[in-house]
Every structure is written in structure tokens, then in C-alpha cells.
């Protein structure tokens, strides 16, 4: 995204499902399944989640060997508690899927709060590999259950159909595709 340092970018971050056309957005990155056909969608590499914790937490509480062991750990859960929507973490290994329902030591709808709590040793969190990989590389976090694939959600860059695509929009979309990669990967 270095090509946009000299341009004005208005960035809004929200978990709210927005309507790009009705709300006037030029470009939207959506994580999750698509339902709207009035948009141009470019599929990106899936949004992958991994479990991790601080070295201090793991030294005090041990390292879970299987997803089932997560119920005995303090988990840091994304979302707000609701009896109708219990927390659900899904992992797979060699075609076998394991689903766990951690109670959570902390729940938040703010990813930065969960990341900070994990860094401070409050528990194990399930978060975006794109963010956590740098914390792991720096040694501030350790991936838990590395032999298990965590959840992956579809991710797309969306442009309202029928709206004029300026050079600025096309180059921004191109930069997003370069950053995240198309799915499936394009050869050539």
C-alpha cells in the first residue's frame, strides 16, 4: 500500500455489514460469505485464524495438545456473549474437524483489546494470522495447536456494480489484491 502515502484514504473499520452502493462506499473488504449480486467481488486469500498465547501464559498454564484441551484454558474470545450464539472455535487436522466451545476469560468485540490481553498473558486467543504472525515472529506470542488448521473465512474486495471505477479505485483494488493475494491463486 506504499503507493497511497501521498493520497487521501478515508478508512472506516467496522464489523457492521455495510451496503457499498447505498452507503456510498467505493471499495469494501468483506470477511464472510457474500449474498449481494449487485457488487463486483474479487475473491482474496481466505481470512485465516490461528490460536496463540504469550510465552508467560503457556509457562504458567501449559500448552494444549488438542483443541479439546482449550476448555481447560483461559480463552480470549472475539464477540459479545449471547446464549443464542455461544462461542465456537473449529479446528481441523487430517480431514477430522474438532469443534470446541470455550467459555472465555474475556470477551470483546474489539480485536485490539484481545490482542493486548493475549500479549499481557491473560489467555489464549483465536485471531487473524495476518496480524498474529508478526507477534509470533517477534517472540511476543506463540502459536498454539500449530498442527491444526484454524478457521478460514472467505474474504473479498467489493466494488458497487454500475459505479464508475476511477484510476484511483482501480489502483487501490490492485494494491489490496497484491497485499492479500487472489483466491484461488492466479498463475502467470
Protein backbone atom coordinates (compact mmCIF):
# COMPACT_ATOMS: atom_id res chain seq x y z
CA UNK A 1 0.00 0.00 0.00
CA UNK A 2 3.05 2.25 -0.18
CA UNK A 3 1.70 3.83 -3.36
CA UNK A 4 -1.06 5.53 -1.36
CA UNK A 5 1.12 7.56 1.00
CA UNK A 6 0.52 10.72 -1.00
CA UNK A 7 -3.21 10.16 -1.44
CA UNK A 8 -6.12 10.71 0.87
CA UNK A 9 -7.72 7.48 2.01
CA UNK A 10 -10.83 7.54 4.20
CA UNK A 11 -10.76 4.27 6.12
CA UNK A 12 -13.68 3.02 8.20
CA UNK A 13 -13.28 -0.19 10.18
CA UNK A 14 -16.44 -1.93 11.29
CA UNK A 15 -17.92 -5.36 11.81
CA UNK A 16 -21.22 -3.99 10.59
CA UNK A 17 -22.42 -5.42 7.28
CA UNK A 18 -22.43 -2.38 5.01
CA UNK A 19 -24.19 -1.87 1.70
CA UNK A 20 -21.46 -0.39 -0.51
CA UNK A 21 -23.88 1.07 -3.03
CA UNK A 22 -26.47 2.53 -0.64
CA UNK A 23 -23.88 3.89 1.80
CA UNK A 24 -21.59 5.37 -0.82
CA UNK A 25 -18.50 3.24 -0.28
CA UNK A 26 -16.16 3.00 -3.24
CA UNK A 27 -14.39 -0.16 -2.02
CA UNK A 28 -15.21 -2.62 0.77
CA UNK A 29 -13.25 -5.58 2.13
CA UNK A 30 -15.74 -8.14 3.41
CA UNK A 31 -14.93 -11.18 5.51
CA UNK A 32 -17.61 -13.84 5.26
CA UNK A 33 -20.00 -15.26 2.69
CA UNK A 34 -21.44 -13.00 0.02
CA UNK A 35 -25.13 -12.65 -0.68
CA UNK A 36 -25.39 -9.48 -2.78
CA UNK A 37 -25.13 -9.83 -6.55
CA UNK A 38 -25.14 -6.06 -7.20
CA UNK A 39 -21.44 -5.87 -6.45
CA UNK A 40 -18.25 -6.76 -8.24
CA UNK A 41 -16.37 -9.18 -6.00
CA UNK A 42 -12.71 -10.13 -6.24
CA UNK A 43 -12.04 -13.21 -4.06
CA UNK A 44 -8.96 -12.82 -1.88
CA UNK A 45 -7.00 -15.44 0.02
CA UNK A 46 -9.13 -16.67 2.93
CA UNK A 47 -9.01 -14.85 6.25
CA UNK A 48 -7.29 -17.47 8.39
CA UNK A 49 -7.44 -17.64 12.16
CA UNK A 50 -4.81 -19.16 14.44
CA UNK A 51 -4.69 -19.75 18.19
CA UNK A 52 -1.88 -18.23 20.21
CA UNK A 53 -0.84 -17.09 23.67
CA UNK A 54 2.07 -15.35 25.33
CA UNK A 55 5.09 -17.41 26.40
CA UNK A 56 4.36 -16.36 30.02
CA UNK A 57 0.78 -17.70 29.90
CA UNK A 58 1.92 -21.01 28.42
CA UNK A 59 4.71 -21.33 31.02
CA UNK A 60 2.14 -20.90 33.82
CA UNK A 61 -0.70 -23.00 32.38
CA UNK A 62 0.88 -25.42 29.92
CA UNK A 63 0.41 -25.82 26.20
CA UNK A 64 -2.79 -27.52 24.99
CA UNK A 65 -2.05 -30.51 22.76
CA UNK A 66 -5.54 -30.80 21.25
CA UNK A 67 -8.44 -28.41 20.65
CA UNK A 68 -10.46 -30.24 23.33
CA UNK A 69 -7.94 -29.08 25.94
CA UNK A 70 -8.83 -25.44 25.24
CA UNK A 71 -11.89 -25.73 27.51
CA UNK A 72 -9.44 -26.03 30.45
CA UNK A 73 -7.68 -22.79 29.50
CA UNK A 74 -8.47 -19.11 29.83
CA UNK A 75 -9.60 -18.17 26.34
CA UNK A 76 -9.91 -14.66 24.95
CA UNK A 77 -12.98 -14.67 22.75
CA UNK A 78 -13.97 -12.30 19.97
CA UNK A 79 -17.61 -11.22 20.19
CA UNK A 80 -20.13 -10.45 22.87
CA UNK A 81 -21.61 -13.30 24.92
CA UNK A 82 -25.06 -14.40 23.93
CA UNK A 83 -26.94 -17.55 24.98
CA UNK A 84 -28.24 -17.85 21.42
CA UNK A 85 -24.74 -17.59 19.89
CA UNK A 86 -22.21 -19.48 22.03
CA UNK A 87 -18.55 -19.16 21.15
CA UNK A 88 -17.42 -21.78 18.66
CA UNK A 89 -13.82 -22.45 17.63
CA UNK A 90 -13.34 -25.02 14.85
CA UNK A 91 -10.06 -26.75 14.05
CA UNK A 92 -9.19 -29.48 11.58
CA UNK A 93 -6.38 -31.97 11.18
CA UNK A 94 -6.06 -34.66 8.51
CA UNK A 95 -9.69 -34.19 7.47
CA UNK A 96 -11.03 -34.52 11.03
CA UNK A 97 -12.92 -31.48 12.34
CA UNK A 98 -12.96 -30.64 16.05
CA UNK A 99 -15.28 -28.01 17.46
CA UNK A 100 -14.81 -26.53 20.93
CA UNK A 101 -16.88 -24.05 22.89
CA UNK A 102 -14.50 -22.09 25.12
CA UNK A 103 -16.25 -20.20 27.90
CA UNK A 104 -13.77 -17.40 27.68
CA UNK A 105 -11.97 -15.49 30.39
CA UNK A 106 -12.60 -12.34 28.41
CA UNK A 107 -14.90 -11.46 25.54
CA UNK A 108 -14.64 -8.36 23.42
CA UNK A 109 -15.85 -7.11 20.08
CA UNK A 110 -12.56 -5.21 19.75
CA UNK A 111 -9.69 -7.24 18.35
CA UNK A 112 -7.04 -4.83 19.72
CA UNK A 113 -8.28 -5.43 23.27
CA UNK A 114 -7.97 -9.20 22.81
CA UNK A 115 -4.51 -8.87 21.27
CA UNK A 116 -3.36 -6.70 24.18
CA UNK A 117 -4.80 -9.20 26.69
CA UNK A 118 -3.01 -12.09 24.95
CA UNK A 119 0.28 -10.16 24.94
CA UNK A 120 -0.18 -9.49 28.68
CA UNK A 121 -0.61 -13.21 29.39
CA UNK A 122 -4.35 -13.33 30.10
CA UNK A 123 -5.04 -16.35 27.94
CA UNK A 124 -5.26 -17.99 24.53
CA UNK A 125 -6.88 -16.12 21.67
CA UNK A 126 -8.01 -17.07 18.20
CA UNK A 127 -7.18 -14.30 15.80
CA UNK A 128 -6.14 -13.31 12.29
CA UNK A 129 -2.93 -14.96 11.12
CA UNK A 130 -2.02 -11.79 9.20
CA UNK A 131 -1.78 -9.85 12.47
CA UNK A 132 -0.56 -12.56 14.81
CA UNK A 133 2.26 -13.81 12.56
CA UNK A 134 4.31 -10.67 13.30
CA UNK A 135 3.78 -11.06 17.07
CA UNK A 136 4.84 -14.71 16.75
CA UNK A 137 7.90 -13.77 14.69
CA UNK A 138 8.92 -11.24 17.35
CA UNK A 139 8.51 -13.88 20.10
CA UNK A 140 5.74 -11.99 21.91
CA UNK A 141 3.21 -14.74 21.15
CA UNK A 142 3.46 -18.47 20.48
CA UNK A 143 1.14 -20.31 18.13
CA UNK A 144 -0.92 -22.92 19.96
CA UNK A 145 -2.04 -26.08 18.13
CA UNK A 146 0.18 -25.42 15.09
CA UNK A 147 -0.62 -28.87 13.67
CA UNK A 148 -4.31 -27.96 13.44
CA UNK A 149 -5.81 -25.68 10.82
CA UNK A 150 -7.89 -22.96 12.37
CA UNK A 151 -10.98 -21.48 10.80
CA UNK A 152 -10.73 -19.75 7.44
CA UNK A 153 -13.37 -17.35 6.23
CA UNK A 154 -13.90 -16.12 2.68
CA UNK A 155 -12.62 -12.60 2.06
CA UNK A 156 -13.43 -10.35 -0.90
CA UNK A 157 -12.73 -6.86 -2.09
CA UNK A 158 -16.04 -5.41 -3.25
CA UNK A 159 -16.91 -2.60 -5.64
CA UNK A 160 -20.51 -1.49 -6.25
CA UNK A 161 -21.60 -2.56 -9.75
CA UNK A 162 -22.51 0.29 -12.05
CA UNK A 163 -20.36 2.82 -10.23
CA UNK A 164 -17.59 4.45 -12.25
CA UNK A 165 -14.24 2.91 -11.42
CA UNK A 166 -11.67 5.67 -11.39
CA UNK A 167 -7.95 5.09 -11.79
CA UNK A 168 -7.65 5.72 -8.04
CA UNK A 169 -10.18 2.97 -7.25
CA UNK A 170 -8.66 0.51 -9.71
CA UNK A 171 -5.16 1.09 -8.36
CA UNK A 172 -6.39 0.77 -4.75
CA UNK A 173 -8.13 -2.54 -5.55
CA UNK A 174 -4.97 -3.71 -7.31
CA UNK A 175 -2.92 -2.85 -4.21
CA UNK A 176 -5.34 -4.82 -2.00
CA UNK A 177 -5.12 -7.82 -4.33
CA UNK A 178 -1.32 -7.57 -4.29
CA UNK A 179 -1.29 -7.38 -0.48
CA UNK A 180 -3.69 -10.27 0.22
CA UNK A 181 -3.49 -12.34 -2.99
CA UNK A 182 -6.30 -13.62 -5.19
CA UNK A 183 -8.08 -16.86 -4.40
CA UNK A 184 -7.56 -19.23 -5.94
CA UNK A 185 -4.05 -18.03 -6.71
CA UNK A 186 -3.61 -16.93 -10.29
CA UNK A 187 -0.69 -18.40 -12.25
CA UNK A 188 1.46 -16.36 -14.53
